[in-house]
Amino acid sequence: MIPTYQEFLTEGRVTFNKMSFTVSAFNDTRGLCLQFIPDSKTLEGSSTTEQVAGITERLKKGMPQFASLLYFETDNQAAGLVFRVNPYELTEVITKAMK
């Protein structure tokens, strides 16, 4: 059976520091990305810089190794805030963990 679009769609919601985001992952021609789409209160109540800092801080606290793999892409045309996964760093983290 061929999966439907809905079966491929995965997203979650996170709330911290009075900010709320819908989080999803997607692939494009340059690799894997995490997309954080702020709700309207977050969008109106905090700047992009504050949102990026909050997301980065939260990831570093909860998933420090994974956070080190991500970088914010200012020029991405997708909605919300896009963090790209650095595939070279990902490989390093995986190989170090498996040794």
C-alpha atoms as a PDB file:
ATOM      1  CA  MET A   1       0.000   0.000   0.000  1.00  0.00           C
ATOM      2  CA  ILE A   2       1.297   3.466  -0.874  1.00  0.00           C
ATOM      3  CA  PRO A   3       1.364   5.859   2.103  1.00  0.00           C
ATOM      4  CA  THR A   4      -0.710   9.024   1.879  1.00  0.00           C
ATOM      5  CA  TYR A   5       0.602  12.533   2.438  1.00  0.00           C
ATOM      6  CA  GLN A   6      -0.990  12.579   5.906  1.00  0.00           C
ATOM      7  CA  GLU A   7       0.957   9.463   6.880  1.00  0.00           C
ATOM      8  CA  PHE A   8       4.216  11.239   6.020  1.00  0.00           C
ATOM      9  CA  LEU A   9       3.291  14.426   7.867  1.00  0.00           C
ATOM     10  CA  THR A  10       4.827  14.571  11.317  1.00  0.00           C
ATOM     11  CA  GLU A  11       4.690  17.598  13.519  1.00  0.00           C
ATOM     12  CA  GLY A  12       4.630  18.459  17.173  1.00  0.00           C
ATOM     13  CA  ARG A  13       3.963  21.453  19.377  1.00  0.00           C
ATOM     14  CA  VAL A  14       6.311  22.962  21.937  1.00  0.00           C
ATOM     15  CA  THR A  15       5.804  25.799  24.389  1.00  0.00           C
ATOM     16  CA  PHE A  16       8.491  27.477  26.508  1.00  0.00           C
ATOM     17  CA  ASN A  17       9.326  31.004  27.707  1.00  0.00           C
ATOM     18  CA  LYS A  18       5.823  32.173  26.686  1.00  0.00           C
ATOM     19  CA  MET A  19       6.532  31.110  23.088  1.00  0.00           C
ATOM     20  CA  SER A  20       4.711  28.355  21.176  1.00  0.00           C
ATOM     21  CA  PHE A  21       5.807  26.650  17.966  1.00  0.00           C
ATOM     22  CA  THR A  22       4.659  23.917  15.646  1.00  0.00           C
ATOM     23  CA  VAL A  23       7.723  21.842  14.824  1.00  0.00           C
ATOM     24  CA  SER A  24       8.163  19.744  11.703  1.00  0.00           C
ATOM     25  CA  ALA A  25      11.004  18.318   9.662  1.00  0.00           C
ATOM     26  CA  PHE A  26      11.450  18.462   5.924  1.00  0.00           C
ATOM     27  CA  ASN A  27      14.039  17.663   3.288  1.00  0.00           C
ATOM     28  CA  ASP A  28      14.988  19.913   0.435  1.00  0.00           C
ATOM     29  CA  THR A  29      17.732  19.770  -2.166  1.00  0.00           C
ATOM     30  CA  ARG A  30      20.310  20.814   0.455  1.00  0.00           C
ATOM     31  CA  GLY A  31      19.353  18.331   3.185  1.00  0.00           C
ATOM     32  CA  LEU A  32      17.339  17.924   6.361  1.00  0.00           C
ATOM     33  CA  CYS A  33      15.721  20.882   8.142  1.00  0.00           C
ATOM     34  CA  LEU A  34      13.688  21.504  11.273  1.00  0.00           C
ATOM     35  CA  GLN A  35      10.985  24.113  10.907  1.00  0.00           C
ATOM     36  CA  PHE A  36       9.618  26.033  13.908  1.00  0.00           C
ATOM     37  CA  ILE A  37       6.440  27.924  13.046  1.00  0.00           C
ATOM     38  CA  PRO A  38       5.455  30.387  15.782  1.00  0.00           C
ATOM     39  CA  ASP A  39       1.854  30.905  16.806  1.00  0.00           C
ATOM     40  CA  SER A  40       0.385  34.395  16.444  1.00  0.00           C
ATOM     41  CA  LYS A  41       1.119  35.432  20.056  1.00  0.00           C
ATOM     42  CA  THR A  42       4.763  34.391  19.701  1.00  0.00           C
ATOM     43  CA  LEU A  43       5.053  36.130  16.355  1.00  0.00           C
ATOM     44  CA  GLU A  44       3.650  39.367  17.757  1.00  0.00           C
ATOM     45  CA  GLY A  45       5.318  39.190  21.173  1.00  0.00           C
ATOM     46  CA  SER A  46       8.926  38.378  20.318  1.00  0.00           C
ATOM     47  CA  SER A  47      11.438  39.166  17.627  1.00  0.00           C
ATOM     48  CA  THR A  48      12.997  36.604  15.318  1.00  0.00           C
ATOM     49  CA  THR A  49      16.245  36.975  17.251  1.00  0.00           C
ATOM     50  CA  GLU A  50      14.479  36.219  20.543  1.00  0.00           C
ATOM     51  CA  GLN A  51      12.720  33.210  19.034  1.00  0.00           C
ATOM     52  CA  VAL A  52      15.940  31.780  17.577  1.00  0.00           C
ATOM     53  CA  ALA A  53      17.761  32.341  20.874  1.00  0.00           C
ATOM     54  CA  GLY A  54      14.954  30.642  22.809  1.00  0.00           C
ATOM     55  CA  ILE A  55      14.879  27.621  20.516  1.00  0.00           C
ATOM     56  CA  THR A  56      18.667  27.319  20.543  1.00  0.00           C
ATOM     57  CA  GLU A  57      18.843  27.609  24.327  1.00  0.00           C
ATOM     58  CA  ARG A  58      16.118  25.024  24.824  1.00  0.00           C
ATOM     59  CA  LEU A  59      17.760  22.561  22.425  1.00  0.00           C
ATOM     60  CA  LYS A  60      21.170  23.016  24.062  1.00  0.00           C
ATOM     61  CA  LYS A  61      19.628  22.301  27.446  1.00  0.00           C
ATOM     62  CA  GLY A  62      17.585  19.269  26.413  1.00  0.00           C
ATOM     63  CA  MET A  63      19.639  17.798  23.543  1.00  0.00           C
ATOM     64  CA  PRO A  64      23.148  19.295  23.591  1.00  0.00           C
ATOM     65  CA  GLN A  65      24.709  16.943  21.042  1.00  0.00           C
ATOM     66  CA  PHE A  66      21.829  17.377  18.615  1.00  0.00           C
ATOM     67  CA  ALA A  67      21.802  21.149  19.132  1.00  0.00           C
ATOM     68  CA  SER A  68      25.423  21.281  18.016  1.00  0.00           C
ATOM     69  CA  LEU A  69      24.349  19.857  14.633  1.00  0.00           C
ATOM     70  CA  LEU A  70      21.896  22.651  13.855  1.00  0.00           C
ATOM     71  CA  TYR A  71      22.322  26.109  12.463  1.00  0.00           C
ATOM     72  CA  PHE A  72      19.692  28.753  11.803  1.00  0.00           C
ATOM     73  CA  GLU A  73      19.151  29.623   8.153  1.00  0.00           C
ATOM     74  CA  THR A  74      18.245  33.258   7.706  1.00  0.00           C
ATOM     75  CA  ASP A  75      17.662  32.997   3.968  1.00  0.00           C
ATOM     76  CA  ASN A  76      15.369  29.951   3.857  1.00  0.00           C
ATOM     77  CA  GLN A  77      12.054  30.652   2.111  1.00  0.00           C
ATOM     78  CA  ALA A  78      10.032  28.142   4.170  1.00  0.00           C
ATOM     79  CA  ALA A  79       7.546  29.411   6.738  1.00  0.00           C
ATOM     80  CA  GLY A  80       8.740  30.088  10.260  1.00  0.00           C
ATOM     81  CA  LEU A  81      12.270  29.570  11.529  1.00  0.00           C
ATOM     82  CA  VAL A  82      14.368  26.952   9.772  1.00  0.00           C
ATOM     83  CA  PHE A  83      17.303  25.162  11.347  1.00  0.00           C
ATOM     84  CA  ARG A  84      19.403  23.034   9.013  1.00  0.00           C
ATOM     85  CA  VAL A  85      21.113  19.839  10.140  1.00  0.00           C
ATOM     86  CA  ASN A  86      24.837  19.846   9.341  1.00  0.00           C
ATOM     87  CA  PRO A  87      25.370  16.354   7.846  1.00  0.00           C
ATOM     88  CA  TYR A  88      29.124  16.380   8.485  1.00  0.00           C
ATOM     89  CA  GLU A  89      28.645  17.112  12.180  1.00  0.00           C
ATOM     90  CA  LEU A  90      25.901  14.470  12.313  1.00  0.00           C
ATOM     91  CA  THR A  91      28.335  11.885  10.978  1.00  0.00           C
ATOM     92  CA  GLU A  92      30.915  12.886  13.595  1.00  0.00           C
ATOM     93  CA  VAL A  93      28.406  12.611  16.445  1.00  0.00           C
ATOM     94  CA  ILE A  94      27.193   9.205  15.262  1.00  0.00           C
ATOM     95  CA  THR A  95      30.678   7.742  14.795  1.00  0.00           C
ATOM     96  CA  LYS A  96      31.861   9.032  18.186  1.00  0.00           C
ATOM     97  CA  ALA A  97      28.792   7.561  19.874  1.00  0.00           C
ATOM     98  CA  MET A  98      29.328   4.166  18.242  1.00  0.00           C
ATOM     99  CA  LYS A  99      33.007   3.846  19.230  1.00  0.00           C
END
